[in-house]
Amino acid sequence: MKVVVIGTFPAATKERIVGSFPADWTVFVGTAAEAEGQLRDADVVIPEHIRVDDAFLGRAPRLAMVQTGAGYDNVDIAACTYQAGACGPAASPAPAWMCTSRSRCRRTARCGICPTYC
């Protein structure tokens, strides 16, 4: 599992973010420019204040989920739902706008990421 957290964080915060994920996951934390090379094989993206739209998603072909924080005005929900099959705020286990059509999900196997499917 590869998670890409995009934002500007102090070094200590980056360490805490990485430490909050399972040890066998690959977690990258960096700015949008630094994250560009990490998107191609990302399974999950957690964006902070960057636009997530069709152009962004085109650079992340393996993406299974976009996880937002408290707000999601920077995220094109329709594009994410179509591309990733799931997109939701951190505080909600099953947001109302999560994709409910398995035919749209680009995952071919049970990935364990999206509770709607897996």
N, C-alpha and C. Protein backbone atom coordinates (compact mmCIF):
# COMPACT_ATOMS: atom_id res chain seq x y z
N MET A 1 0.85 -1.17 0.00
CA MET A 1 0.00 0.00 0.00
C MET A 1 0.89 1.23 0.00
N LYS A 2 0.60 2.16 -0.90
CA LYS A 2 1.36 3.40 -0.94
C LYS A 2 0.41 4.58 -0.74
N VAL A 3 0.75 5.39 0.26
CA VAL A 3 -0.03 6.57 0.60
C VAL A 3 0.82 7.80 0.32
N VAL A 4 0.24 8.78 -0.36
CA VAL A 4 0.93 10.04 -0.63
C VAL A 4 0.15 11.16 0.05
N VAL A 5 0.79 11.80 1.01
CA VAL A 5 0.19 12.93 1.73
C VAL A 5 0.81 14.19 1.15
N ILE A 6 -0.03 15.05 0.61
CA ILE A 6 0.48 16.25 -0.07
C ILE A 6 0.15 17.48 0.76
N GLY A 7 1.20 18.19 1.15
CA GLY A 7 1.03 19.40 1.93
C GLY A 7 2.39 19.90 2.38
N THR A 8 2.38 21.02 3.09
CA THR A 8 3.61 21.59 3.62
C THR A 8 3.59 21.37 5.13
N PHE A 9 4.51 20.54 5.61
CA PHE A 9 4.53 20.17 7.03
C PHE A 9 5.95 20.30 7.57
N PRO A 10 6.09 20.67 8.85
CA PRO A 10 7.41 20.65 9.48
C PRO A 10 7.91 19.21 9.56
N ALA A 11 9.22 19.03 9.68
CA ALA A 11 9.83 17.70 9.71
C ALA A 11 9.23 16.81 10.80
N ALA A 12 9.01 17.35 11.98
CA ALA A 12 8.45 16.55 13.09
C ALA A 12 7.05 16.06 12.76
N THR A 13 6.27 16.89 12.09
CA THR A 13 4.91 16.50 11.70
C THR A 13 4.97 15.41 10.65
N LYS A 14 5.89 15.53 9.70
CA LYS A 14 6.05 14.49 8.68
C LYS A 14 6.35 13.14 9.34
N GLU A 15 7.23 13.15 10.32
CA GLU A 15 7.57 11.91 11.03
C GLU A 15 6.36 11.32 11.73
N ARG A 16 5.55 12.17 12.36
CA ARG A 16 4.34 11.68 13.04
C ARG A 16 3.33 11.12 12.04
N ILE A 17 3.21 11.77 10.89
CA ILE A 17 2.29 11.27 9.86
C ILE A 17 2.74 9.89 9.40
N VAL A 18 3.98 9.76 9.03
CA VAL A 18 4.50 8.47 8.56
C VAL A 18 4.34 7.41 9.64
N GLY A 19 4.61 7.76 10.89
CA GLY A 19 4.50 6.82 12.00
C GLY A 19 3.09 6.39 12.32
N SER A 20 2.10 7.09 11.79
CA SER A 20 0.71 6.74 12.10
C SER A 20 0.16 5.65 11.17
N PHE A 21 0.92 5.27 10.17
CA PHE A 21 0.50 4.23 9.23
C PHE A 21 1.19 2.91 9.56
N PRO A 22 0.63 1.79 9.11
CA PRO A 22 1.30 0.51 9.34
C PRO A 22 2.73 0.51 8.80
N ALA A 23 3.62 -0.17 9.49
CA ALA A 23 5.04 -0.16 9.15
C ALA A 23 5.34 -0.71 7.77
N ASP A 24 4.49 -1.61 7.27
CA ASP A 24 4.77 -2.21 5.96
C ASP A 24 4.18 -1.40 4.80
N TRP A 25 3.59 -0.24 5.07
CA TRP A 25 3.09 0.63 4.02
C TRP A 25 4.19 1.61 3.63
N THR A 26 4.16 2.03 2.37
CA THR A 26 5.04 3.09 1.90
C THR A 26 4.27 4.39 2.02
N VAL A 27 4.83 5.34 2.76
CA VAL A 27 4.15 6.63 2.98
C VAL A 27 5.10 7.75 2.59
N PHE A 28 4.63 8.60 1.69
CA PHE A 28 5.40 9.77 1.27
C PHE A 28 4.66 11.01 1.74
N VAL A 29 5.38 11.95 2.33
CA VAL A 29 4.80 13.21 2.77
C VAL A 29 5.64 14.33 2.16
N GLY A 30 5.00 15.21 1.40
CA GLY A 30 5.74 16.31 0.79
C GLY A 30 4.82 17.29 0.09
N THR A 31 5.42 18.30 -0.48
CA THR A 31 4.67 19.32 -1.20
C THR A 31 4.14 18.75 -2.52
N ALA A 32 3.27 19.51 -3.17
CA ALA A 32 2.72 19.07 -4.45
C ALA A 32 3.84 18.83 -5.47
N ALA A 33 4.82 19.70 -5.51
CA ALA A 33 5.93 19.53 -6.46
C ALA A 33 6.74 18.29 -6.12
N GLU A 34 7.01 18.07 -4.84
CA GLU A 34 7.77 16.89 -4.42
C GLU A 34 7.00 15.60 -4.67
N ALA A 35 5.69 15.67 -4.60
CA ALA A 35 4.86 14.47 -4.73
C ALA A 35 4.64 14.03 -6.17
N GLU A 36 4.92 14.88 -7.13
CA GLU A 36 4.67 14.54 -8.54
C GLU A 36 5.21 13.16 -8.92
N GLY A 37 6.42 12.87 -8.56
CA GLY A 37 7.02 11.59 -8.91
C GLY A 37 6.49 10.41 -8.13
N GLN A 38 5.69 10.68 -7.10
CA GLN A 38 5.16 9.63 -6.24
C GLN A 38 3.74 9.20 -6.64
N LEU A 39 3.09 9.98 -7.48
CA LEU A 39 1.68 9.73 -7.80
C LEU A 39 1.43 8.50 -8.67
N ARG A 40 2.35 8.18 -9.56
CA ARG A 40 2.13 7.10 -10.53
C ARG A 40 1.75 5.78 -9.87
N ASP A 41 2.32 5.48 -8.69
CA ASP A 41 2.01 4.20 -8.06
C ASP A 41 1.33 4.36 -6.69
N ALA A 42 0.69 5.51 -6.49
CA ALA A 42 -0.02 5.76 -5.23
C ALA A 42 -1.36 5.03 -5.20
N ASP A 43 -1.66 4.42 -4.06
CA ASP A 43 -2.96 3.80 -3.85
C ASP A 43 -3.94 4.77 -3.20
N VAL A 44 -3.41 5.62 -2.32
CA VAL A 44 -4.22 6.59 -1.58
C VAL A 44 -3.51 7.93 -1.63
N VAL A 45 -4.28 9.00 -1.83
CA VAL A 45 -3.74 10.36 -1.76
C VAL A 45 -4.52 11.12 -0.71
N ILE A 46 -3.78 11.82 0.14
CA ILE A 46 -4.38 12.71 1.13
C ILE A 46 -3.89 14.11 0.79
N PRO A 47 -4.72 14.90 0.09
CA PRO A 47 -4.28 16.22 -0.37
C PRO A 47 -4.62 17.33 0.63
N GLU A 48 -3.72 18.25 0.81
CA GLU A 48 -3.95 19.43 1.64
C GLU A 48 -3.91 20.66 0.74
N HIS A 49 -5.05 21.25 0.51
CA HIS A 49 -5.15 22.53 -0.19
C HIS A 49 -4.58 22.52 -1.61
N ILE A 50 -4.74 21.42 -2.32
CA ILE A 50 -4.40 21.38 -3.74
C ILE A 50 -5.62 20.89 -4.49
N ARG A 51 -5.74 21.25 -5.73
CA ARG A 51 -6.88 20.86 -6.55
C ARG A 51 -6.70 19.41 -7.00
N VAL A 52 -7.69 18.59 -6.72
CA VAL A 52 -7.70 17.20 -7.18
C VAL A 52 -8.81 17.09 -8.22
N ASP A 53 -8.41 17.00 -9.48
CA ASP A 53 -9.36 16.97 -10.59
C ASP A 53 -8.89 15.94 -11.62
N ASP A 54 -9.52 15.94 -12.78
CA ASP A 54 -9.16 14.97 -13.81
C ASP A 54 -7.67 15.02 -14.17
N ALA A 55 -7.11 16.22 -14.29
CA ALA A 55 -5.69 16.35 -14.65
C ALA A 55 -4.80 15.72 -13.57
N PHE A 56 -5.10 16.00 -12.31
CA PHE A 56 -4.34 15.41 -11.20
C PHE A 56 -4.49 13.89 -11.20
N LEU A 57 -5.72 13.43 -11.34
CA LEU A 57 -6.00 11.99 -11.30
C LEU A 57 -5.34 11.25 -12.47
N GLY A 58 -5.16 11.93 -13.59
CA GLY A 58 -4.49 11.32 -14.73
C GLY A 58 -3.04 10.98 -14.43
N ARG A 59 -2.46 11.66 -13.44
CA ARG A 59 -1.08 11.38 -13.04
C ARG A 59 -1.00 10.31 -11.96
N ALA A 60 -2.17 9.80 -11.53
CA ALA A 60 -2.23 8.80 -10.47
C ALA A 60 -3.11 7.62 -10.91
N PRO A 61 -2.67 6.84 -11.90
CA PRO A 61 -3.52 5.82 -12.48
C PRO A 61 -3.90 4.66 -11.57
N ARG A 62 -3.12 4.40 -10.52
CA ARG A 62 -3.43 3.29 -9.60
C ARG A 62 -4.32 3.71 -8.44
N LEU A 63 -4.61 4.98 -8.35
CA LEU A 63 -5.29 5.53 -7.19
C LEU A 63 -6.59 4.80 -6.88
N ALA A 64 -6.76 4.41 -5.63
CA ALA A 64 -7.98 3.74 -5.19
C ALA A 64 -8.81 4.63 -4.28
N MET A 65 -8.18 5.63 -3.65
CA MET A 65 -8.94 6.46 -2.72
C MET A 65 -8.28 7.82 -2.55
N VAL A 66 -9.12 8.84 -2.45
CA VAL A 66 -8.69 10.18 -2.09
C VAL A 66 -9.33 10.45 -0.73
N GLN A 67 -8.51 10.68 0.27
CA GLN A 67 -8.99 10.93 1.63
C GLN A 67 -8.81 12.39 1.95
N THR A 68 -9.90 13.07 2.27
CA THR A 68 -9.82 14.49 2.59
C THR A 68 -9.90 14.69 4.09
N GLY A 69 -9.60 15.90 4.51
CA GLY A 69 -9.73 16.27 5.92
C GLY A 69 -11.13 16.79 6.18
N ALA A 70 -11.20 17.93 6.84
CA ALA A 70 -12.50 18.49 7.22
C ALA A 70 -13.27 19.03 6.01
N GLY A 71 -12.58 19.53 5.01
CA GLY A 71 -13.26 20.09 3.85
C GLY A 71 -12.83 19.38 2.59
N TYR A 72 -13.65 19.55 1.56
CA TYR A 72 -13.32 18.90 0.29
C TYR A 72 -13.65 19.79 -0.90
N ASP A 73 -13.62 21.10 -0.69
CA ASP A 73 -13.91 22.02 -1.78
C ASP A 73 -12.81 22.03 -2.83
N ASN A 74 -11.64 21.47 -2.53
CA ASN A 74 -10.54 21.38 -3.48
C ASN A 74 -10.58 20.10 -4.30
N VAL A 75 -11.59 19.26 -4.06
CA VAL A 75 -11.65 17.95 -4.68
C VAL A 75 -12.86 17.84 -5.60
N ASP A 76 -12.62 17.44 -6.83
CA ASP A 76 -13.70 17.18 -7.79
C ASP A 76 -14.26 15.80 -7.45
N ILE A 77 -15.36 15.79 -6.72
CA ILE A 77 -15.94 14.53 -6.20
C ILE A 77 -16.32 13.59 -7.33
N ALA A 78 -16.93 14.09 -8.37
CA ALA A 78 -17.35 13.23 -9.48
C ALA A 78 -16.14 12.57 -10.15
N ALA A 79 -15.08 13.34 -10.38
CA ALA A 79 -13.89 12.78 -11.02
C ALA A 79 -13.23 11.74 -10.11
N CYS A 80 -13.15 12.02 -8.83
CA CYS A 80 -12.53 11.07 -7.89
C CYS A 80 -13.35 9.80 -7.77
N THR A 81 -14.64 9.94 -7.71
CA THR A 81 -15.50 8.77 -7.58
C THR A 81 -15.37 7.88 -8.80
N TYR A 82 -15.30 8.49 -9.97
CA TYR A 82 -15.14 7.71 -11.19
C TYR A 82 -13.77 7.05 -11.26
N GLN A 83 -12.72 7.82 -10.97
CA GLN A 83 -11.35 7.31 -11.07
C GLN A 83 -11.03 6.32 -9.95
N ALA A 84 -11.27 6.71 -8.72
CA ALA A 84 -10.79 5.94 -7.59
C ALA A 84 -11.83 5.00 -7.00
N GLY A 85 -13.09 5.28 -7.25
CA GLY A 85 -14.13 4.44 -6.66
C GLY A 85 -14.51 4.88 -5.28
N ALA A 86 -13.70 5.72 -4.65
CA ALA A 86 -14.01 6.20 -3.30
C ALA A 86 -13.33 7.52 -3.05
N CYS A 87 -14.03 8.38 -2.36
CA CYS A 87 -13.48 9.68 -1.99
C CYS A 87 -14.26 10.13 -0.79
N GLY A 88 -13.60 10.45 0.29
CA GLY A 88 -14.37 10.83 1.46
C GLY A 88 -13.57 11.59 2.49
N PRO A 89 -14.30 12.28 3.39
CA PRO A 89 -13.64 13.01 4.46
C PRO A 89 -13.21 12.06 5.56
N ALA A 90 -12.14 12.41 6.25
CA ALA A 90 -11.57 11.55 7.29
C ALA A 90 -12.56 11.24 8.40
N ALA A 91 -13.47 12.15 8.68
CA ALA A 91 -14.39 11.96 9.80
C ALA A 91 -15.58 11.06 9.47
N SER A 92 -15.73 10.68 8.23
CA SER A 92 -16.90 9.91 7.83
C SER A 92 -16.50 8.54 7.30
N PRO A 93 -17.01 7.46 7.90
CA PRO A 93 -16.65 6.13 7.40
C PRO A 93 -17.28 5.79 6.06
N ALA A 94 -18.42 6.36 5.73
CA ALA A 94 -19.09 6.07 4.46
C ALA A 94 -19.82 7.31 3.98
N PRO A 95 -19.08 8.24 3.35
CA PRO A 95 -19.71 9.49 2.90
C PRO A 95 -20.81 9.23 1.87
N ALA A 96 -21.79 10.09 1.87
CA ALA A 96 -22.93 9.93 0.97
C ALA A 96 -22.52 9.96 -0.48
N TRP A 97 -21.41 10.59 -0.81
CA TRP A 97 -20.99 10.70 -2.20
C TRP A 97 -19.94 9.67 -2.59
N MET A 98 -19.81 8.62 -1.78
CA MET A 98 -18.91 7.54 -2.17
C MET A 98 -19.54 6.77 -3.33
N CYS A 99 -18.73 6.37 -4.28
CA CYS A 99 -19.23 5.63 -5.42
C CYS A 99 -19.92 4.35 -4.97
N THR A 100 -21.08 4.08 -5.50
CA THR A 100 -21.79 2.86 -5.14
C THR A 100 -21.91 1.91 -6.32
N SER A 101 -21.22 2.21 -7.39
CA SER A 101 -21.28 1.36 -8.58
C SER A 101 -19.94 0.66 -8.78
N ARG A 102 -19.87 -0.63 -8.48
CA ARG A 102 -18.60 -1.35 -8.61
C ARG A 102 -18.08 -1.30 -10.04
N SER A 103 -18.96 -1.15 -11.01
CA SER A 103 -18.51 -1.12 -12.39
C SER A 103 -17.60 0.08 -12.66
N ARG A 104 -17.69 1.10 -11.85
CA ARG A 104 -16.83 2.27 -12.04
C ARG A 104 -15.47 2.10 -11.39
N CYS A 105 -15.37 1.23 -10.41
CA CYS A 105 -14.11 1.07 -9.69
C CYS A 105 -13.06 0.46 -10.62
N ARG A 106 -11.89 1.03 -10.63
CA ARG A 106 -10.82 0.54 -11.50
C ARG A 106 -10.05 -0.61 -10.87
N ARG A 107 -10.37 -0.95 -9.64
CA ARG A 107 -9.73 -2.10 -8.99
C ARG A 107 -10.37 -3.37 -9.54
N THR A 108 -9.58 -4.36 -9.83
CA THR A 108 -10.11 -5.61 -10.36
C THR A 108 -10.19 -6.68 -9.29
N ALA A 109 -9.59 -6.43 -8.14
CA ALA A 109 -9.64 -7.39 -7.04
C ALA A 109 -10.03 -6.66 -5.76
N ARG A 110 -10.34 -7.43 -4.75
CA ARG A 110 -10.68 -6.82 -3.47
C ARG A 110 -9.45 -6.16 -2.88
N CYS A 111 -9.44 -4.83 -2.88
CA CYS A 111 -8.26 -4.10 -2.45
C CYS A 111 -8.24 -3.85 -0.95
N GLY A 112 -9.40 -3.92 -0.29
CA GLY A 112 -9.45 -3.68 1.13
C GLY A 112 -9.51 -2.22 1.49
N ILE A 113 -9.47 -1.33 0.52
CA ILE A 113 -9.48 0.10 0.80
C ILE A 113 -10.91 0.61 0.92
N CYS A 114 -11.71 0.27 -0.03
CA CYS A 114 -13.05 0.83 -0.09
C CYS A 114 -14.05 -0.08 0.64
N PRO A 115 -14.62 0.37 1.77
CA PRO A 115 -15.54 -0.47 2.51
C PRO A 115 -16.83 -0.79 1.75
N THR A 116 -17.16 0.04 0.78
CA THR A 116 -18.36 -0.23 -0.01
C THR A 116 -18.21 -1.50 -0.82
N TYR A 117 -17.02 -1.78 -1.32
CA TYR A 117 -16.80 -2.93 -2.17
C TYR A 117 -16.16 -4.11 -1.46
N CYS A 118 -15.29 -3.83 -0.55
CA CYS A 118 -14.45 -4.89 0.00
C CYS A 118 -14.89 -5.25 1.39
